[in-house]
Protein backbone atom coordinates (compact mmCIF):
# COMPACT_ATOMS: atom_id res chain seq x y z
CA MET A 1 -0.15 45.07 23.63
CA GLY A 2 -1.30 42.91 20.98
CA TYR A 3 2.14 41.22 20.23
CA LEU A 4 1.86 39.94 24.33
CA LYS A 5 -1.37 38.11 23.35
CA GLY A 6 0.41 36.48 20.87
CA PHE A 7 3.28 35.34 23.74
CA THR A 8 0.34 33.77 25.64
CA ILE A 9 -0.87 31.80 23.16
CA SER A 10 2.96 29.96 22.76
CA GLY A 11 3.13 30.08 26.35
CA LYS A 12 0.10 27.85 26.75
CA GLN A 13 1.69 25.30 24.85
CA PHE A 14 4.40 24.51 27.44
CA PHE A 15 1.83 23.07 29.38
CA GLN A 16 0.26 20.83 26.52
CA LYS A 17 0.89 17.25 26.21
CA THR A 18 4.06 16.94 23.57
CA VAL A 19 3.03 15.28 20.22
CA THR A 20 6.54 15.75 18.93
CA THR A 21 8.29 12.19 18.66
CA GLN A 22 11.97 11.72 18.46
CA TYR A 23 12.42 10.65 15.00
CA PRO A 24 14.15 8.29 14.10
CA GLU A 25 14.47 6.75 17.37
CA ASP A 26 10.94 6.95 18.19
CA LYS A 27 8.75 5.86 15.03
CA ARG A 28 4.98 5.73 14.71
CA PRO A 29 3.81 2.37 13.76
CA LYS A 30 2.98 2.27 9.94
CA PRO A 31 -0.38 0.77 8.54
CA GLU A 32 -0.58 -2.71 7.37
CA ARG A 33 -0.97 -1.48 3.99
CA PHE A 34 1.75 1.23 4.05
CA HIS A 35 3.19 2.26 0.35
CA GLY A 36 7.09 1.29 0.81
CA ARG A 37 9.82 0.09 -1.52
CA HIS A 38 8.55 -2.55 -3.97
CA VAL A 39 9.74 -5.90 -3.89
CA LEU A 40 9.15 -8.83 -6.72
CA ASN A 41 7.69 -12.05 -5.04
CA ARG A 42 8.37 -15.64 -5.49
CA TYR A 43 6.24 -18.88 -5.64
CA GLU A 44 6.37 -21.19 -2.75
CA ASP A 45 8.50 -23.32 -4.97
CA GLY A 46 11.09 -20.38 -5.41
CA MET A 47 9.86 -19.58 -8.71
CA GLU A 48 9.36 -16.18 -9.84
CA LYS A 49 5.76 -14.75 -10.28
CA CYS A 50 6.77 -12.14 -13.06
CA ILE A 51 5.84 -13.58 -16.27
CA GLY A 52 7.52 -10.15 -17.98
CA CYS A 53 3.76 -8.93 -19.22
CA GLU A 54 4.46 -5.44 -18.83
CA LEU A 55 1.14 -4.40 -17.50
CA CYS A 56 3.03 -2.62 -14.30
CA ALA A 57 4.99 -0.48 -16.59
CA GLY A 58 2.08 0.46 -18.35
CA ALA A 59 -0.05 1.38 -15.70
CA CYS A 60 2.76 3.59 -13.93
CA PRO A 61 2.03 7.43 -14.12
CA ALA A 62 5.37 8.33 -13.50
CA ARG A 63 7.25 5.97 -16.15
CA CYS A 64 9.30 4.79 -13.64
CA ILE A 65 9.24 1.10 -14.30
CA TYR A 66 11.29 -0.36 -17.20
CA VAL A 67 10.42 -4.25 -17.91
CA ARG A 68 11.47 -6.78 -20.77
CA GLY A 69 10.07 -10.31 -20.92
CA ALA A 70 11.76 -13.28 -22.51
CA ASP A 71 10.88 -16.67 -23.39
CA ASN A 72 11.48 -19.08 -20.43
CA PRO A 73 14.32 -21.76 -20.81
CA PRO A 74 12.70 -25.40 -21.53
CA ASP A 75 15.21 -27.11 -19.33
CA ALA A 76 15.32 -24.35 -16.42
CA PRO A 77 12.22 -22.28 -16.34
CA VAL A 78 12.28 -18.87 -14.43
CA SER A 79 8.35 -18.52 -13.99
CA PRO A 80 5.58 -20.96 -14.36
CA GLY A 81 4.48 -19.29 -17.64
CA GLU A 82 5.73 -19.18 -20.93
CA ARG A 83 7.71 -15.87 -20.38
CA TYR A 84 9.54 -14.24 -17.34
CA GLY A 85 10.60 -11.00 -16.68
CA PHE A 86 14.48 -10.97 -18.06
CA VAL A 87 14.81 -7.15 -17.05
CA TYR A 88 13.07 -5.42 -14.36
CA GLU A 89 14.25 -1.75 -12.93
CA ILE A 90 12.34 0.98 -11.26
CA ASN A 91 13.77 4.25 -10.65
CA PHE A 92 12.80 5.62 -7.44
CA LEU A 93 13.77 9.27 -8.07
CA ARG A 94 10.67 9.00 -10.02
CA CYS A 95 8.22 6.82 -8.15
CA ILE A 96 5.51 8.09 -6.50
CA HIS A 97 4.19 5.17 -4.43
CA CYS A 98 0.86 4.98 -5.98
CA ASP A 99 0.72 1.24 -5.99
CA LEU A 100 -0.99 1.27 -9.37
CA CYS A 101 1.50 -0.95 -10.58
CA VAL A 102 0.55 -3.43 -7.89
CA GLU A 103 -3.25 -3.39 -8.97
CA ALA A 104 -2.07 -4.06 -12.54
CA CYS A 105 -0.01 -7.17 -11.63
CA PRO A 106 -1.97 -10.27 -12.78
CA THR A 107 0.50 -12.70 -10.98
CA GLU A 108 0.73 -10.43 -7.51
CA ALA A 109 4.07 -10.25 -8.51
CA ILE A 110 5.13 -6.79 -7.38
CA THR A 111 3.86 -5.59 -3.90
CA GLU A 112 5.29 -2.96 -1.41
CA SER A 113 7.20 -3.32 1.64
CA LYS A 114 6.85 -0.44 4.43
CA LEU A 115 10.41 0.75 3.88
CA PHE A 116 10.48 4.21 3.23
CA GLU A 117 13.75 5.23 4.68
CA PHE A 118 16.40 4.86 1.79
CA SER A 119 18.56 7.64 0.46
CA PHE A 120 21.01 7.89 -2.53
CA THR A 121 24.34 9.33 -3.16
CA ASN A 122 24.24 8.58 -6.94
CA ARG A 123 21.57 8.04 -9.71
CA GLN A 124 22.90 4.58 -10.43
CA ASP A 125 21.72 3.35 -6.72
CA ALA A 126 18.48 4.96 -6.95
CA ILE A 127 17.74 2.38 -10.30
CA TYR A 128 16.57 -0.65 -8.60
CA THR A 129 17.31 -3.90 -10.50
CA LYS A 130 15.60 -6.98 -10.76
CA ALA A 131 18.62 -8.69 -8.47
CA GLU A 132 17.91 -5.90 -5.92
CA LEU A 133 14.15 -6.07 -6.03
CA VAL A 134 13.65 -9.93 -5.96
CA VAL A 135 12.92 -11.42 -2.49
CA ASP A 136 15.68 -14.15 -0.76
CA ASP A 137 15.14 -17.79 -0.65
CA ASP A 138 13.41 -17.18 2.71
CA GLY A 139 10.61 -14.64 0.78
CA ASN A 140 11.73 -11.54 2.70
CA PRO A 141 12.95 -8.38 0.71
CA LYS A 142 16.71 -8.12 0.32
CA HIS A 143 18.15 -5.36 2.48
CA LEU A 144 20.42 -2.64 0.60
CA PRO A 145 23.42 -0.59 2.25
CA TRP A 146 21.57 2.77 1.80
CA GLU A 147 18.52 1.03 3.39
CA ASP A 148 17.17 1.62 6.69
CA TRP A 149 15.32 -1.28 7.60
CA HIS A 150 13.67 -1.51 11.09
CA GLU A 151 11.55 -4.58 12.83
CA GLY A 152 8.15 -5.07 10.70
CA ASP A 153 9.31 -3.03 7.51
CA ASP A 154 9.62 -6.61 5.66
CA GLU A 155 6.30 -8.02 7.05
CA ASN A 156 3.10 -8.31 5.13
CA THR A 157 4.74 -7.13 1.54
CA SER A 158 1.63 -8.21 -0.10
CA GLY A 159 -0.53 -6.71 2.26
CA TRP A 160 -1.79 -4.58 -0.47
CA VAL A 161 -2.85 -7.31 -2.88
CA ARG A 162 -4.61 -9.32 0.08
CA ALA A 163 -8.13 -8.10 -0.50
CA THR A 164 -10.71 -7.81 2.43
CA ALA A 165 -13.77 -8.53 0.10
CA PRO A 166 -13.15 -9.86 -3.55
CA SER A 167 -14.79 -7.84 -6.12
CA GLY A 168 -16.21 -5.51 -3.43
CA VAL A 169 -18.64 -8.76 -2.39
CA ALA A 170 -18.63 -8.51 1.25
CA ALA A 171 -19.68 -12.54 1.54
CA ALA A 172 -16.41 -13.00 -0.12
CA GLU A 173 -14.51 -11.37 3.13
CA GLY A 174 -11.67 -13.60 4.39
CA ARG A 175 -11.86 -16.10 1.38
CA PRO A 176 -7.90 -16.06 0.45
CA LEU A 177 -8.13 -15.80 -3.53
CA TRP A 178 -4.36 -15.43 -4.04
CA SER A 179 -1.26 -17.69 -4.50
CA GLY A 180 1.39 -18.78 -1.87
CA GLU A 181 4.56 -16.95 -1.65
CA LEU A 182 8.00 -18.10 -0.89
CA GLY A 183 8.54 -18.44 2.93
CA HIS A 184 5.24 -17.44 4.00
CA GLY A 185 2.53 -19.89 2.08
CA VAL A 186 -0.95 -18.44 1.59
CA ARG A 187 -1.05 -15.31 3.81
CA PRO A 188 -4.09 -14.95 5.91
CA ALA A 189 -7.00 -12.44 4.78
CA GLN A 190 -7.05 -9.12 6.11
CA LEU A 191 -9.82 -7.56 8.29
CA GLY A 192 -12.73 -6.08 5.96
CA GLN A 193 -15.98 -4.05 6.44
CA SER A 194 -17.34 -6.10 8.92
CA ASP A 195 -14.79 -5.19 11.64
CA PRO A 196 -15.31 -1.75 12.77
CA LEU A 197 -11.69 -1.23 13.60
CA ALA A 198 -10.60 -2.53 10.02
CA ALA A 199 -9.50 1.27 9.05
CA ASP A 200 -5.98 2.42 9.28
CA VAL A 201 -7.05 5.53 10.43
CA PRO A 202 -10.59 6.27 11.45
CA ALA A 203 -11.63 9.10 9.49
CA ASP A 204 -15.00 10.90 9.71
CA PHE A 205 -14.44 13.36 6.69
CA ASP A 206 -14.15 9.90 4.15
CA ILE A 207 -16.74 10.53 1.54
CA SER A 208 -16.11 6.98 -0.20
CA ILE A 209 -18.58 5.67 1.75
CA ARG A 210 -22.41 3.86 1.42
CA GLU A 211 -25.32 6.10 2.30
CA VAL A 212 -28.25 4.26 3.01
CA LYS A 213 -32.17 5.45 3.31
CA ASP A 214 -31.99 6.00 6.99
CA ALA A 215 -29.11 8.55 6.62
CA GLU A 216 -26.70 6.14 8.66
CA MET A 217 -22.61 5.85 7.01
CA ARG A 218 -21.25 2.26 6.95
CA GLY A 219 -17.88 1.71 6.57
CA ALA A 220 -14.91 1.05 8.51
CA GLY A 221 -13.59 4.15 10.57
CA VAL A 222 -16.38 6.15 9.18
CA ALA A 223 -18.49 8.05 11.73
CA ARG A 224 -22.33 7.50 11.95
CA GLY A 225 -25.13 10.05 11.57
CA ARG A 226 -23.69 12.49 9.10
CA SER A 227 -25.91 14.04 6.69
CA VAL A 228 -27.19 12.86 3.44
CA ARG A 229 -25.91 14.16 0.38
CA VAL A 230 -28.75 15.85 -1.72
CA ASP A 231 -29.09 15.66 -5.47
CA GLU A 232 -29.87 18.78 -7.65
CA GLY A 233 -33.65 19.79 -7.49
CA THR A 234 -34.50 18.41 -4.07
CA ASP A 235 -34.97 20.19 -0.96
CA ALA A 236 -31.90 20.15 1.37
CA PRO A 237 -32.89 18.32 4.94
CA GLY A 238 -33.98 20.97 7.51
CA ASP A 239 -34.56 23.72 5.08
CA GLY A 240 -38.23 23.57 5.75
CA GLY A 241 -38.95 23.05 2.19
CA ARG A 242 -37.61 26.39 0.74
């Protein structure tokens, strides 16, 4: 009769609220800092932000980025610096969307959109070139035939670099320390640790938090009142000093 008991558990689920979404017609909202397909940004005057320093390629753990810099033509410079990204390629068959390239970029040239629905029928399409990565004249990512863009996927493409508190200083929260972008200008700062709802997903299991003397946990989306970690050689809380 044990198998009948198993069927009763399954049968009870028929009366539970359905959690399955009808993908792809019905899609869940993406976090503001979602890691999607990369874009190369431009300044408000149209110049490219990439200076061909190759730091993104050096930081990439998957070795999917190939960059070659060249000297800017004196009569028609591509970027404000001495050099620009002459060749820029990303192999999305290798990319793991870790965003280390975004962290490494000194000019906020490379960021990510929210697009993750794109597939390829050949290897050539999977290797995005500079012409496909640089934003258009309105500052928006280019939409390619094999990409399934939806409303909001091309917004907040620089969200990852718009820090909530530069250098980790809460007093600096909300201060724009980034340059303007073509079609968008200087984007406003995101909400930071002063806002309890700033976290993309509330998580009481997050251990990257601040622990204070009164055992209260602080941080966006982090539950309060969790036990304090105990250093080796000290008594654990509530063990009676054993």
